[in-house]
Amino acid sequence: MKYIDIHTHRKENSANVSIVNLLPEDVLNISVTGLYSTGLHPWYIDENRIEKDIQLVEEAASKENFIAVGETGLDKFAGSTIELQKEVFRKHIEISEKHKKPLIIHCVRMFNELIRIKKELSPESAWIIHGFNSNKQIAVELVKNGICLSFGKELLKENSKIVGILPEIPLNYIFFETDDSDIIIDNIYKSAAAILNIGVEELGEKIEDNFNKIF
């Protein structure tokens, strides 16, 4: 069966279904044949070109293979100020809502702010935290607020806290990804299925169902 990789930086062709994440400027320079997303990562916010980058995201959003906005979000350790990050994040939310595309979110140590923004704006498009690697309390709070979680390479680490968190998350709020790792998505599904004590095909079908409902 084909496995869905919700967020990857690898551009090579795959037998699976992958959403390739591109930088805004790459959308113009790279020939994209498969599904992709683009957005302004909080680490790469440049005050001198925010308007240009946002315009590139807006232009990409109307293209056929564009399937999600992001990654975008909030990061306590990024170089830009929190207020500027929030401003840029809100612009991505506007694009997500306008084009009815899910939002792929990068969030580090700013989940409370993220949830406050979601409550304030009440967006209709799905929000997905990519590469979730925080604690159970935050995971439960995110799901309580209707935010999906995508899990990646941490599931392959025996002592990872994520191994204990995954079974606590409703299956209809879960996705999987490879991000920037060299790990293949098949192995992440196999590990997740073992953790959840269900068949890998059953898990794959459930994630495919989540994908079809949201995308």
N, C-alpha and C. Protein backbone atom coordinates (compact mmCIF):
# COMPACT_ATOMS: atom_id res chain seq x y z
N MET A 1 0.83 -1.20 0.00
CA MET A 1 0.00 0.00 0.00
C MET A 1 0.87 1.25 0.00
N LYS A 2 0.26 2.37 -0.36
CA LYS A 2 0.98 3.64 -0.34
C LYS A 2 0.80 4.31 1.02
N TYR A 3 1.91 4.83 1.54
CA TYR A 3 1.85 5.54 2.81
C TYR A 3 1.90 7.04 2.56
N ILE A 4 1.17 7.78 3.36
CA ILE A 4 1.11 9.24 3.20
C ILE A 4 2.15 9.89 4.10
N ASP A 5 3.02 10.66 3.50
CA ASP A 5 4.05 11.44 4.20
C ASP A 5 3.60 12.89 4.16
N ILE A 6 3.13 13.39 5.28
CA ILE A 6 2.48 14.70 5.31
C ILE A 6 3.45 15.86 5.16
N HIS A 7 4.75 15.60 5.40
CA HIS A 7 5.72 16.70 5.36
C HIS A 7 7.12 16.16 5.13
N THR A 8 7.69 16.45 3.96
CA THR A 8 9.05 16.02 3.68
C THR A 8 9.79 17.10 2.92
N HIS A 9 11.11 17.11 3.06
CA HIS A 9 11.95 18.06 2.32
C HIS A 9 12.66 17.36 1.17
N ARG A 10 12.43 16.06 1.03
CA ARG A 10 13.05 15.32 -0.06
C ARG A 10 12.21 15.48 -1.33
N LYS A 11 12.87 15.84 -2.40
CA LYS A 11 12.15 16.14 -3.65
C LYS A 11 12.13 14.98 -4.63
N GLU A 12 12.83 13.88 -4.30
CA GLU A 12 12.85 12.76 -5.24
C GLU A 12 11.50 12.07 -5.30
N ASN A 13 11.24 11.41 -6.41
CA ASN A 13 9.98 10.70 -6.58
C ASN A 13 9.89 9.53 -5.61
N SER A 14 8.67 9.22 -5.18
CA SER A 14 8.45 8.13 -4.26
C SER A 14 7.18 7.39 -4.66
N ALA A 15 7.14 6.11 -4.32
CA ALA A 15 5.94 5.32 -4.61
C ALA A 15 4.82 5.69 -3.66
N ASN A 16 5.17 6.39 -2.57
CA ASN A 16 4.17 6.81 -1.60
C ASN A 16 3.61 8.18 -1.96
N VAL A 17 2.68 8.66 -1.14
CA VAL A 17 2.09 9.98 -1.34
C VAL A 17 2.81 10.96 -0.41
N SER A 18 3.55 11.89 -0.99
CA SER A 18 4.35 12.82 -0.18
C SER A 18 3.98 14.27 -0.47
N ILE A 19 3.94 15.06 0.59
CA ILE A 19 3.79 16.51 0.43
C ILE A 19 5.17 17.12 0.63
N VAL A 20 5.75 17.60 -0.45
CA VAL A 20 7.10 18.17 -0.41
C VAL A 20 7.02 19.63 0.02
N ASN A 21 7.80 19.96 1.05
CA ASN A 21 7.82 21.35 1.52
C ASN A 21 8.88 22.15 0.78
N LEU A 22 8.47 23.27 0.21
CA LEU A 22 9.38 24.14 -0.53
C LEU A 22 9.44 25.52 0.10
N LEU A 23 10.58 26.16 0.00
CA LEU A 23 10.67 27.57 0.37
C LEU A 23 9.91 28.38 -0.68
N PRO A 24 9.37 29.54 -0.31
CA PRO A 24 8.59 30.33 -1.28
C PRO A 24 9.31 30.59 -2.59
N GLU A 25 10.61 30.94 -2.51
CA GLU A 25 11.33 31.25 -3.75
C GLU A 25 11.57 30.02 -4.61
N ASP A 26 11.56 28.82 -3.97
CA ASP A 26 11.79 27.59 -4.72
C ASP A 26 10.61 27.23 -5.62
N VAL A 27 9.43 27.72 -5.26
CA VAL A 27 8.24 27.40 -6.05
C VAL A 27 8.42 27.89 -7.49
N LEU A 28 9.15 28.99 -7.65
CA LEU A 28 9.37 29.55 -8.99
C LEU A 28 10.51 28.86 -9.72
N ASN A 29 11.45 28.28 -8.95
CA ASN A 29 12.67 27.77 -9.56
C ASN A 29 12.72 26.25 -9.72
N ILE A 30 11.82 25.55 -9.05
CA ILE A 30 11.86 24.09 -9.07
C ILE A 30 10.61 23.56 -9.77
N SER A 31 10.82 22.60 -10.66
CA SER A 31 9.69 21.98 -11.34
C SER A 31 9.05 20.96 -10.40
N VAL A 32 7.80 21.21 -10.04
CA VAL A 32 7.10 20.34 -9.10
C VAL A 32 6.07 19.50 -9.83
N THR A 33 6.22 18.18 -9.74
CA THR A 33 5.27 17.30 -10.41
C THR A 33 4.30 16.67 -9.42
N GLY A 34 4.70 16.61 -8.15
CA GLY A 34 3.84 16.01 -7.13
C GLY A 34 3.21 17.06 -6.24
N LEU A 35 2.67 16.62 -5.13
CA LEU A 35 2.03 17.52 -4.17
C LEU A 35 3.09 18.30 -3.40
N TYR A 36 2.77 19.55 -3.07
CA TYR A 36 3.73 20.33 -2.29
C TYR A 36 3.03 21.38 -1.44
N SER A 37 3.78 21.90 -0.49
CA SER A 37 3.33 23.01 0.35
C SER A 37 4.43 24.05 0.36
N THR A 38 4.08 25.26 0.70
CA THR A 38 5.11 26.29 0.88
C THR A 38 4.64 27.31 1.90
N GLY A 39 5.61 27.90 2.57
CA GLY A 39 5.31 28.90 3.57
C GLY A 39 6.60 29.49 4.09
N LEU A 40 6.46 30.51 4.92
CA LEU A 40 7.63 31.20 5.47
C LEU A 40 7.89 30.69 6.88
N HIS A 41 8.91 29.85 7.00
CA HIS A 41 9.33 29.27 8.27
C HIS A 41 9.80 30.40 9.20
N PRO A 42 9.45 30.34 10.49
CA PRO A 42 9.86 31.44 11.40
C PRO A 42 11.36 31.67 11.45
N TRP A 43 12.15 30.65 11.14
CA TRP A 43 13.60 30.83 11.15
C TRP A 43 14.08 31.65 9.96
N TYR A 44 13.27 31.72 8.91
CA TYR A 44 13.71 32.38 7.68
C TYR A 44 12.98 33.69 7.39
N ILE A 45 12.35 34.24 8.41
CA ILE A 45 11.67 35.53 8.22
C ILE A 45 12.71 36.63 8.04
N ASP A 46 12.58 37.35 6.94
CA ASP A 46 13.46 38.48 6.64
C ASP A 46 12.57 39.70 6.47
N GLU A 47 12.70 40.66 7.38
CA GLU A 47 11.83 41.84 7.36
C GLU A 47 11.84 42.55 6.01
N ASN A 48 12.95 42.44 5.30
CA ASN A 48 13.09 43.16 4.04
C ASN A 48 12.35 42.50 2.87
N ARG A 49 11.90 41.26 3.09
CA ARG A 49 11.24 40.58 1.97
C ARG A 49 9.97 39.82 2.38
N ILE A 50 9.41 40.19 3.53
CA ILE A 50 8.19 39.51 3.99
C ILE A 50 7.07 39.63 2.96
N GLU A 51 6.84 40.83 2.47
CA GLU A 51 5.74 41.03 1.51
C GLU A 51 5.96 40.19 0.25
N LYS A 52 7.20 40.13 -0.22
CA LYS A 52 7.51 39.34 -1.41
C LYS A 52 7.26 37.85 -1.15
N ASP A 53 7.73 37.34 0.00
CA ASP A 53 7.56 35.93 0.33
C ASP A 53 6.08 35.57 0.49
N ILE A 54 5.34 36.43 1.16
CA ILE A 54 3.91 36.17 1.35
C ILE A 54 3.19 36.16 0.00
N GLN A 55 3.60 37.05 -0.88
CA GLN A 55 3.01 37.09 -2.22
C GLN A 55 3.30 35.79 -2.98
N LEU A 56 4.50 35.25 -2.80
CA LEU A 56 4.86 33.99 -3.44
C LEU A 56 3.99 32.85 -2.91
N VAL A 57 3.74 32.86 -1.61
CA VAL A 57 2.86 31.83 -1.02
C VAL A 57 1.45 31.98 -1.58
N GLU A 58 0.99 33.21 -1.67
CA GLU A 58 -0.34 33.48 -2.22
C GLU A 58 -0.45 33.00 -3.66
N GLU A 59 0.57 33.26 -4.45
CA GLU A 59 0.56 32.82 -5.85
C GLU A 59 0.59 31.29 -5.94
N ALA A 60 1.38 30.67 -5.08
CA ALA A 60 1.48 29.21 -5.10
C ALA A 60 0.16 28.55 -4.73
N ALA A 61 -0.59 29.20 -3.85
CA ALA A 61 -1.82 28.61 -3.32
C ALA A 61 -2.88 28.34 -4.38
N SER A 62 -2.76 29.00 -5.51
CA SER A 62 -3.75 28.80 -6.57
C SER A 62 -3.31 27.75 -7.60
N LYS A 63 -2.08 27.20 -7.42
CA LYS A 63 -1.57 26.22 -8.37
C LYS A 63 -2.14 24.83 -8.08
N GLU A 64 -2.18 24.01 -9.12
CA GLU A 64 -2.87 22.72 -9.06
C GLU A 64 -2.31 21.77 -8.00
N ASN A 65 -0.99 21.67 -7.90
CA ASN A 65 -0.38 20.69 -7.00
C ASN A 65 -0.17 21.21 -5.58
N PHE A 66 -0.51 22.47 -5.36
CA PHE A 66 -0.34 23.07 -4.03
C PHE A 66 -1.45 22.52 -3.12
N ILE A 67 -1.05 21.90 -2.00
CA ILE A 67 -2.05 21.21 -1.19
C ILE A 67 -2.13 21.71 0.25
N ALA A 68 -1.12 22.47 0.71
CA ALA A 68 -1.14 22.97 2.08
C ALA A 68 -0.28 24.23 2.21
N VAL A 69 -0.65 25.07 3.17
CA VAL A 69 0.12 26.28 3.46
C VAL A 69 1.09 25.95 4.59
N GLY A 70 2.37 26.28 4.38
CA GLY A 70 3.35 26.03 5.42
C GLY A 70 4.56 25.27 4.88
N GLU A 71 5.64 25.09 5.64
CA GLU A 71 5.42 25.23 7.05
C GLU A 71 5.60 26.68 7.49
N THR A 72 4.81 27.04 8.47
CA THR A 72 4.85 28.37 9.05
C THR A 72 4.61 28.19 10.55
N GLY A 73 4.76 29.24 11.32
CA GLY A 73 4.46 29.06 12.74
C GLY A 73 5.20 29.99 13.67
N LEU A 74 5.44 29.48 14.88
CA LEU A 74 6.03 30.27 15.96
C LEU A 74 7.15 29.48 16.62
N ASP A 75 8.27 30.13 16.87
CA ASP A 75 9.42 29.45 17.44
C ASP A 75 10.13 30.40 18.41
N LYS A 76 10.15 30.02 19.67
CA LYS A 76 10.74 30.85 20.72
C LYS A 76 12.21 31.16 20.45
N PHE A 77 12.88 30.27 19.70
CA PHE A 77 14.32 30.42 19.51
C PHE A 77 14.69 31.00 18.15
N ALA A 78 13.70 31.39 17.36
CA ALA A 78 13.99 31.99 16.05
C ALA A 78 14.55 33.40 16.25
N GLY A 79 15.25 33.89 15.24
CA GLY A 79 15.90 35.19 15.36
C GLY A 79 14.95 36.37 15.33
N SER A 80 13.82 36.22 14.65
CA SER A 80 12.86 37.33 14.55
C SER A 80 12.04 37.45 15.83
N THR A 81 11.48 38.63 16.06
CA THR A 81 10.72 38.87 17.28
C THR A 81 9.42 38.06 17.26
N ILE A 82 8.89 37.81 18.45
CA ILE A 82 7.64 37.06 18.56
C ILE A 82 6.50 37.79 17.86
N GLU A 83 6.46 39.11 18.01
CA GLU A 83 5.38 39.88 17.38
C GLU A 83 5.45 39.78 15.86
N LEU A 84 6.65 39.81 15.32
CA LEU A 84 6.79 39.69 13.87
C LEU A 84 6.39 38.28 13.42
N GLN A 85 6.78 37.28 14.18
CA GLN A 85 6.39 35.91 13.86
C GLN A 85 4.87 35.76 13.85
N LYS A 86 4.22 36.36 14.83
CA LYS A 86 2.76 36.29 14.90
C LYS A 86 2.12 36.97 13.69
N GLU A 87 2.68 38.10 13.31
CA GLU A 87 2.16 38.84 12.15
C GLU A 87 2.25 37.99 10.89
N VAL A 88 3.43 37.36 10.69
CA VAL A 88 3.63 36.53 9.50
C VAL A 88 2.74 35.28 9.56
N PHE A 89 2.62 34.70 10.73
CA PHE A 89 1.78 33.52 10.91
C PHE A 89 0.32 33.83 10.56
N ARG A 90 -0.15 34.98 11.00
CA ARG A 90 -1.53 35.38 10.71
C ARG A 90 -1.75 35.55 9.20
N LYS A 91 -0.75 36.02 8.51
CA LYS A 91 -0.88 36.17 7.05
C LYS A 91 -1.03 34.80 6.39
N HIS A 92 -0.32 33.81 6.91
CA HIS A 92 -0.45 32.45 6.38
C HIS A 92 -1.84 31.88 6.68
N ILE A 93 -2.34 32.20 7.86
CA ILE A 93 -3.70 31.74 8.21
C ILE A 93 -4.71 32.32 7.23
N GLU A 94 -4.54 33.58 6.88
CA GLU A 94 -5.45 34.23 5.92
C GLU A 94 -5.42 33.49 4.58
N ILE A 95 -4.22 33.13 4.11
CA ILE A 95 -4.09 32.42 2.84
C ILE A 95 -4.73 31.03 2.95
N SER A 96 -4.48 30.36 4.07
CA SER A 96 -5.06 29.04 4.31
C SER A 96 -6.58 29.09 4.26
N GLU A 97 -7.16 30.09 4.89
CA GLU A 97 -8.62 30.22 4.92
C GLU A 97 -9.17 30.62 3.55
N LYS A 98 -8.49 31.54 2.89
CA LYS A 98 -8.96 32.01 1.58
C LYS A 98 -9.00 30.88 0.56
N HIS A 99 -7.97 30.04 0.56
CA HIS A 99 -7.86 28.97 -0.43
C HIS A 99 -8.33 27.62 0.09
N LYS A 100 -8.80 27.61 1.35
CA LYS A 100 -9.32 26.38 1.97
C LYS A 100 -8.28 25.26 1.93
N LYS A 101 -7.07 25.61 2.35
CA LYS A 101 -5.96 24.65 2.40
C LYS A 101 -5.52 24.47 3.85
N PRO A 102 -5.19 23.23 4.25
CA PRO A 102 -4.69 23.00 5.62
C PRO A 102 -3.41 23.78 5.88
N LEU A 103 -3.14 23.99 7.16
CA LEU A 103 -1.97 24.75 7.59
C LEU A 103 -0.98 23.79 8.25
N ILE A 104 0.24 23.70 7.71
CA ILE A 104 1.30 22.88 8.30
C ILE A 104 2.13 23.78 9.20
N ILE A 105 2.19 23.45 10.49
CA ILE A 105 2.73 24.37 11.49
C ILE A 105 3.98 23.85 12.18
N HIS A 106 4.98 24.73 12.24
CA HIS A 106 6.20 24.53 13.02
C HIS A 106 6.00 25.31 14.32
N CYS A 107 6.09 24.63 15.46
CA CYS A 107 5.90 25.35 16.73
C CYS A 107 6.88 24.83 17.77
N VAL A 108 7.63 25.75 18.36
CA VAL A 108 8.60 25.40 19.40
C VAL A 108 8.40 26.31 20.60
N ARG A 109 8.01 25.72 21.73
CA ARG A 109 7.84 26.42 23.01
C ARG A 109 6.87 27.61 22.93
N MET A 110 5.90 27.54 22.01
CA MET A 110 4.93 28.63 21.90
C MET A 110 3.52 28.09 21.64
N PHE A 111 3.23 26.95 22.21
CA PHE A 111 1.94 26.32 21.97
C PHE A 111 0.77 27.10 22.58
N ASN A 112 1.00 27.72 23.73
CA ASN A 112 -0.08 28.51 24.34
C ASN A 112 -0.48 29.68 23.45
N GLU A 113 0.52 30.35 22.87
CA GLU A 113 0.25 31.46 21.96
C GLU A 113 -0.48 30.96 20.71
N LEU A 114 -0.05 29.79 20.22
CA LEU A 114 -0.66 29.19 19.04
C LEU A 114 -2.15 28.92 19.28
N ILE A 115 -2.46 28.32 20.41
CA ILE A 115 -3.85 28.00 20.74
C ILE A 115 -4.67 29.27 20.92
N ARG A 116 -4.06 30.30 21.52
CA ARG A 116 -4.79 31.58 21.68
C ARG A 116 -5.18 32.16 20.33
N ILE A 117 -4.26 32.11 19.37
CA ILE A 117 -4.54 32.63 18.03
C ILE A 117 -5.66 31.82 17.38
N LYS A 118 -5.62 30.51 17.55
CA LYS A 118 -6.66 29.67 16.94
C LYS A 118 -8.03 29.99 17.55
N LYS A 119 -8.08 30.15 18.85
CA LYS A 119 -9.35 30.48 19.51
C LYS A 119 -9.86 31.84 19.04
N GLU A 120 -8.94 32.76 18.86
CA GLU A 120 -9.31 34.12 18.45
C GLU A 120 -9.87 34.14 17.02
N LEU A 121 -9.24 33.39 16.12
CA LEU A 121 -9.60 33.47 14.70
C LEU A 121 -10.62 32.41 14.26
N SER A 122 -10.74 31.33 15.02
CA SER A 122 -11.67 30.24 14.69
C SER A 122 -11.58 29.82 13.21
N PRO A 123 -10.41 29.41 12.75
CA PRO A 123 -10.25 29.03 11.34
C PRO A 123 -11.04 27.77 11.00
N GLU A 124 -11.45 27.67 9.75
CA GLU A 124 -12.19 26.49 9.30
C GLU A 124 -11.25 25.43 8.73
N SER A 125 -10.14 25.85 8.13
CA SER A 125 -9.19 24.88 7.58
C SER A 125 -8.43 24.16 8.70
N ALA A 126 -8.01 22.93 8.41
CA ALA A 126 -7.31 22.12 9.42
C ALA A 126 -5.94 22.70 9.74
N TRP A 127 -5.52 22.54 11.00
CA TRP A 127 -4.17 22.89 11.44
C TRP A 127 -3.46 21.60 11.81
N ILE A 128 -2.22 21.45 11.37
CA ILE A 128 -1.44 20.24 11.66
C ILE A 128 -0.08 20.65 12.20
N ILE A 129 0.24 20.24 13.43
CA ILE A 129 1.57 20.48 13.99
C ILE A 129 2.51 19.42 13.42
N HIS A 130 3.51 19.84 12.67
CA HIS A 130 4.41 18.86 12.08
C HIS A 130 5.55 18.54 13.06
N GLY A 131 5.99 17.29 13.01
CA GLY A 131 7.11 16.86 13.84
C GLY A 131 6.86 17.06 15.32
N PHE A 132 5.67 16.71 15.79
CA PHE A 132 5.36 16.96 17.20
C PHE A 132 6.34 16.21 18.10
N ASN A 133 6.89 16.96 19.08
CA ASN A 133 7.90 16.38 19.98
C ASN A 133 7.86 17.04 21.34
N SER A 134 6.64 17.34 21.79
CA SER A 134 6.49 17.96 23.10
C SER A 134 5.89 16.94 24.07
N ASN A 135 5.25 17.41 25.15
CA ASN A 135 4.77 16.49 26.17
C ASN A 135 3.29 16.13 26.01
N LYS A 136 2.84 15.19 26.81
CA LYS A 136 1.47 14.69 26.71
C LYS A 136 0.44 15.78 26.99
N GLN A 137 0.70 16.61 27.98
CA GLN A 137 -0.25 17.67 28.34
C GLN A 137 -0.50 18.60 27.15
N ILE A 138 0.56 18.99 26.47
CA ILE A 138 0.42 19.87 25.30
C ILE A 138 -0.29 19.13 24.17
N ALA A 139 0.06 17.87 23.97
CA ALA A 139 -0.59 17.07 22.92
C ALA A 139 -2.10 17.02 23.14
N VAL A 140 -2.51 16.74 24.36
CA VAL A 140 -3.94 16.63 24.68
C VAL A 140 -4.63 17.98 24.49
N GLU A 141 -3.96 19.07 24.88
CA GLU A 141 -4.55 20.40 24.74
C GLU A 141 -4.71 20.79 23.27
N LEU A 142 -3.72 20.43 22.46
CA LEU A 142 -3.81 20.74 21.03
C LEU A 142 -4.99 20.00 20.39
N VAL A 143 -5.10 18.71 20.68
CA VAL A 143 -6.20 17.92 20.13
C VAL A 143 -7.54 18.45 20.63
N LYS A 144 -7.59 18.83 21.88
CA LYS A 144 -8.81 19.40 22.46
C LYS A 144 -9.26 20.63 21.68
N ASN A 145 -8.30 21.35 21.12
CA ASN A 145 -8.59 22.55 20.33
C ASN A 145 -8.65 22.26 18.83
N GLY A 146 -8.79 21.00 18.48
CA GLY A 146 -9.01 20.63 17.09
C GLY A 146 -7.79 20.66 16.20
N ILE A 147 -6.60 20.56 16.79
CA ILE A 147 -5.35 20.61 16.03
C ILE A 147 -4.77 19.22 15.89
N CYS A 148 -4.45 18.82 14.66
CA CYS A 148 -3.88 17.50 14.39
C CYS A 148 -2.37 17.49 14.69
N LEU A 149 -1.84 16.31 14.92
CA LEU A 149 -0.43 16.15 15.21
C LEU A 149 0.22 15.20 14.21
N SER A 150 1.37 15.58 13.69
CA SER A 150 2.13 14.73 12.78
C SER A 150 3.39 14.27 13.49
N PHE A 151 3.64 12.96 13.44
CA PHE A 151 4.77 12.37 14.14
C PHE A 151 5.80 11.85 13.13
N GLY A 152 7.08 11.93 13.53
CA GLY A 152 8.13 11.53 12.61
C GLY A 152 9.15 10.60 13.23
N LYS A 153 10.42 10.93 13.02
CA LYS A 153 11.52 10.04 13.38
C LYS A 153 11.61 9.71 14.87
N GLU A 154 11.00 10.53 15.72
CA GLU A 154 11.04 10.26 17.17
C GLU A 154 10.38 8.92 17.50
N LEU A 155 9.47 8.47 16.63
CA LEU A 155 8.79 7.19 16.87
C LEU A 155 9.74 6.00 16.75
N LEU A 156 10.89 6.22 16.14
CA LEU A 156 11.85 5.13 15.96
C LEU A 156 12.85 5.05 17.10
N LYS A 157 12.77 6.00 18.04
CA LYS A 157 13.68 6.00 19.18
C LYS A 157 13.00 5.32 20.37
N GLU A 158 13.63 4.28 20.86
CA GLU A 158 13.03 3.44 21.90
C GLU A 158 12.66 4.23 23.16
N ASN A 159 13.49 5.15 23.56
CA ASN A 159 13.26 5.89 24.80
C ASN A 159 12.57 7.24 24.59
N SER A 160 12.04 7.47 23.39
CA SER A 160 11.40 8.75 23.10
C SER A 160 10.08 8.88 23.86
N LYS A 161 9.83 10.06 24.38
CA LYS A 161 8.56 10.32 25.08
C LYS A 161 7.37 10.20 24.14
N ILE A 162 7.62 10.40 22.85
CA ILE A 162 6.55 10.33 21.85
C ILE A 162 5.96 8.93 21.77
N VAL A 163 6.78 7.92 22.03
CA VAL A 163 6.30 6.53 22.00
C VAL A 163 5.17 6.34 23.01
N GLY A 164 5.27 7.02 24.15
CA GLY A 164 4.22 6.92 25.17
C GLY A 164 3.03 7.83 24.90
N ILE A 165 3.25 8.89 24.12
CA ILE A 165 2.18 9.85 23.84
C ILE A 165 1.27 9.39 22.72
N LEU A 166 1.83 8.75 21.71
CA LEU A 166 1.06 8.37 20.51
C LEU A 166 -0.23 7.63 20.83
N PRO A 167 -0.22 6.62 21.73
CA PRO A 167 -1.47 5.89 22.01
C PRO A 167 -2.55 6.74 22.67
N GLU A 168 -2.17 7.90 23.19
CA GLU A 168 -3.13 8.77 23.86
C GLU A 168 -3.86 9.70 22.89
N ILE A 169 -3.44 9.72 21.64
CA ILE A 169 -4.01 10.63 20.65
C ILE A 169 -5.03 9.89 19.79
N PRO A 170 -6.24 10.44 19.63
CA PRO A 170 -7.24 9.79 18.76
C PRO A 170 -6.67 9.61 17.35
N LEU A 171 -6.93 8.48 16.74
CA LEU A 171 -6.37 8.18 15.43
C LEU A 171 -6.77 9.20 14.37
N ASN A 172 -7.94 9.81 14.52
CA ASN A 172 -8.38 10.78 13.51
C ASN A 172 -7.68 12.13 13.63
N TYR A 173 -6.74 12.25 14.57
CA TYR A 173 -5.95 13.47 14.72
C TYR A 173 -4.47 13.23 14.39
N ILE A 174 -4.16 12.09 13.79
CA ILE A 174 -2.76 11.70 13.61
C ILE A 174 -2.35 11.68 12.14
N PHE A 175 -1.10 12.15 11.89
CA PHE A 175 -0.43 12.01 10.60
C PHE A 175 1.02 11.60 10.87
N PHE A 176 1.72 11.21 9.80
CA PHE A 176 3.14 10.84 9.92
C PHE A 176 3.96 11.54 8.85
N GLU A 177 5.26 11.68 9.11
CA GLU A 177 6.13 12.44 8.20
C GLU A 177 7.57 12.01 8.32
N THR A 178 8.36 12.37 7.31
CA THR A 178 9.81 12.12 7.36
C THR A 178 10.59 13.41 7.58
N ASP A 179 9.98 14.56 7.32
CA ASP A 179 10.62 15.87 7.49
C ASP A 179 11.93 15.91 6.70
N ASP A 180 13.05 16.26 7.36
CA ASP A 180 14.33 16.37 6.64
C ASP A 180 15.24 15.17 6.90
N SER A 181 14.68 14.09 7.42
CA SER A 181 15.49 12.90 7.73
C SER A 181 15.65 12.01 6.48
N ASP A 182 16.53 11.03 6.58
CA ASP A 182 16.73 10.06 5.50
C ASP A 182 15.89 8.80 5.72
N ILE A 183 15.08 8.81 6.78
CA ILE A 183 14.24 7.66 7.11
C ILE A 183 13.11 7.54 6.09
N ILE A 184 12.75 6.32 5.74
CA ILE A 184 11.63 6.16 4.82
C ILE A 184 10.33 6.10 5.61
N ILE A 185 9.28 6.62 5.02
CA ILE A 185 7.99 6.73 5.71
C ILE A 185 7.43 5.36 6.09
N ASP A 186 7.74 4.33 5.31
CA ASP A 186 7.27 2.97 5.62
C ASP A 186 7.68 2.55 7.03
N ASN A 187 8.92 2.86 7.41
CA ASN A 187 9.42 2.46 8.72
C ASN A 187 8.73 3.20 9.85
N ILE A 188 8.35 4.45 9.60
CA ILE A 188 7.63 5.21 10.62
C ILE A 188 6.25 4.61 10.83
N TYR A 189 5.58 4.23 9.76
CA TYR A 189 4.27 3.57 9.89
C TYR A 189 4.38 2.24 10.63
N LYS A 190 5.40 1.46 10.31
CA LYS A 190 5.58 0.16 10.95
C LYS A 190 5.81 0.32 12.45
N SER A 191 6.63 1.32 12.81
CA SER A 191 6.90 1.58 14.22
C SER A 191 5.64 2.05 14.93
N ALA A 192 4.89 2.95 14.30
CA ALA A 192 3.66 3.48 14.89
C ALA A 192 2.62 2.37 15.08
N ALA A 193 2.51 1.49 14.08
CA ALA A 193 1.55 0.39 14.17
C ALA A 193 1.90 -0.53 15.35
N ALA A 194 3.19 -0.78 15.55
CA ALA A 194 3.62 -1.62 16.66
C ALA A 194 3.30 -0.96 18.00
N ILE A 195 3.54 0.34 18.08
CA ILE A 195 3.25 1.10 19.31
C ILE A 195 1.75 1.07 19.61
N LEU A 196 0.94 1.20 18.57
CA LEU A 196 -0.51 1.25 18.73
C LEU A 196 -1.15 -0.14 18.78
N ASN A 197 -0.33 -1.15 18.52
CA ASN A 197 -0.80 -2.54 18.53
C ASN A 197 -1.93 -2.77 17.53
N ILE A 198 -1.77 -2.25 16.34
CA ILE A 198 -2.70 -2.50 15.25
C ILE A 198 -1.90 -2.86 13.99
N GLY A 199 -2.58 -3.38 13.00
CA GLY A 199 -1.90 -3.75 11.77
C GLY A 199 -1.45 -2.52 11.01
N VAL A 200 -0.33 -2.62 10.31
CA VAL A 200 0.19 -1.47 9.58
C VAL A 200 -0.74 -1.07 8.44
N GLU A 201 -1.40 -2.04 7.83
CA GLU A 201 -2.35 -1.71 6.76
C GLU A 201 -3.56 -0.98 7.31
N GLU A 202 -4.04 -1.43 8.47
CA GLU A 202 -5.16 -0.75 9.11
C GLU A 202 -4.79 0.70 9.45
N LEU A 203 -3.58 0.89 9.96
CA LEU A 203 -3.12 2.24 10.29
C LEU A 203 -3.02 3.08 9.02
N GLY A 204 -2.45 2.50 7.96
CA GLY A 204 -2.31 3.23 6.71
C GLY A 204 -3.66 3.66 6.16
N GLU A 205 -4.65 2.79 6.26
CA GLU A 205 -5.99 3.12 5.78
C GLU A 205 -6.62 4.24 6.59
N LYS A 206 -6.36 4.23 7.89
CA LYS A 206 -6.91 5.29 8.76
C LYS A 206 -6.28 6.63 8.43
N ILE A 207 -4.97 6.66 8.23
CA ILE A 207 -4.30 7.92 7.91
C ILE A 207 -4.74 8.41 6.54
N GLU A 208 -4.94 7.48 5.61
CA GLU A 208 -5.44 7.86 4.29
C GLU A 208 -6.83 8.49 4.41
N ASP A 209 -7.65 7.94 5.30
CA ASP A 209 -8.98 8.50 5.54
C ASP A 209 -8.87 9.91 6.12
N ASN A 210 -7.95 10.10 7.07
CA ASN A 210 -7.72 11.45 7.63
C ASN A 210 -7.32 12.42 6.53
N PHE A 211 -6.41 11.95 5.67
CA PHE A 211 -5.90 12.77 4.58
C PHE A 211 -7.03 13.19 3.64
N ASN A 212 -7.85 12.24 3.26
CA ASN A 212 -8.95 12.53 2.34
C ASN A 212 -9.98 13.50 2.92
N LYS A 213 -10.18 13.42 4.22
CA LYS A 213 -11.15 14.32 4.87
C LYS A 213 -10.63 15.73 4.97
N ILE A 214 -9.32 15.87 5.22
CA ILE A 214 -8.75 17.20 5.45
C ILE A 214 -8.29 17.86 4.16
N PHE A 215 -7.77 17.08 3.22
CA PHE A 215 -7.20 17.66 2.01
C PHE A 215 -8.15 17.53 0.83
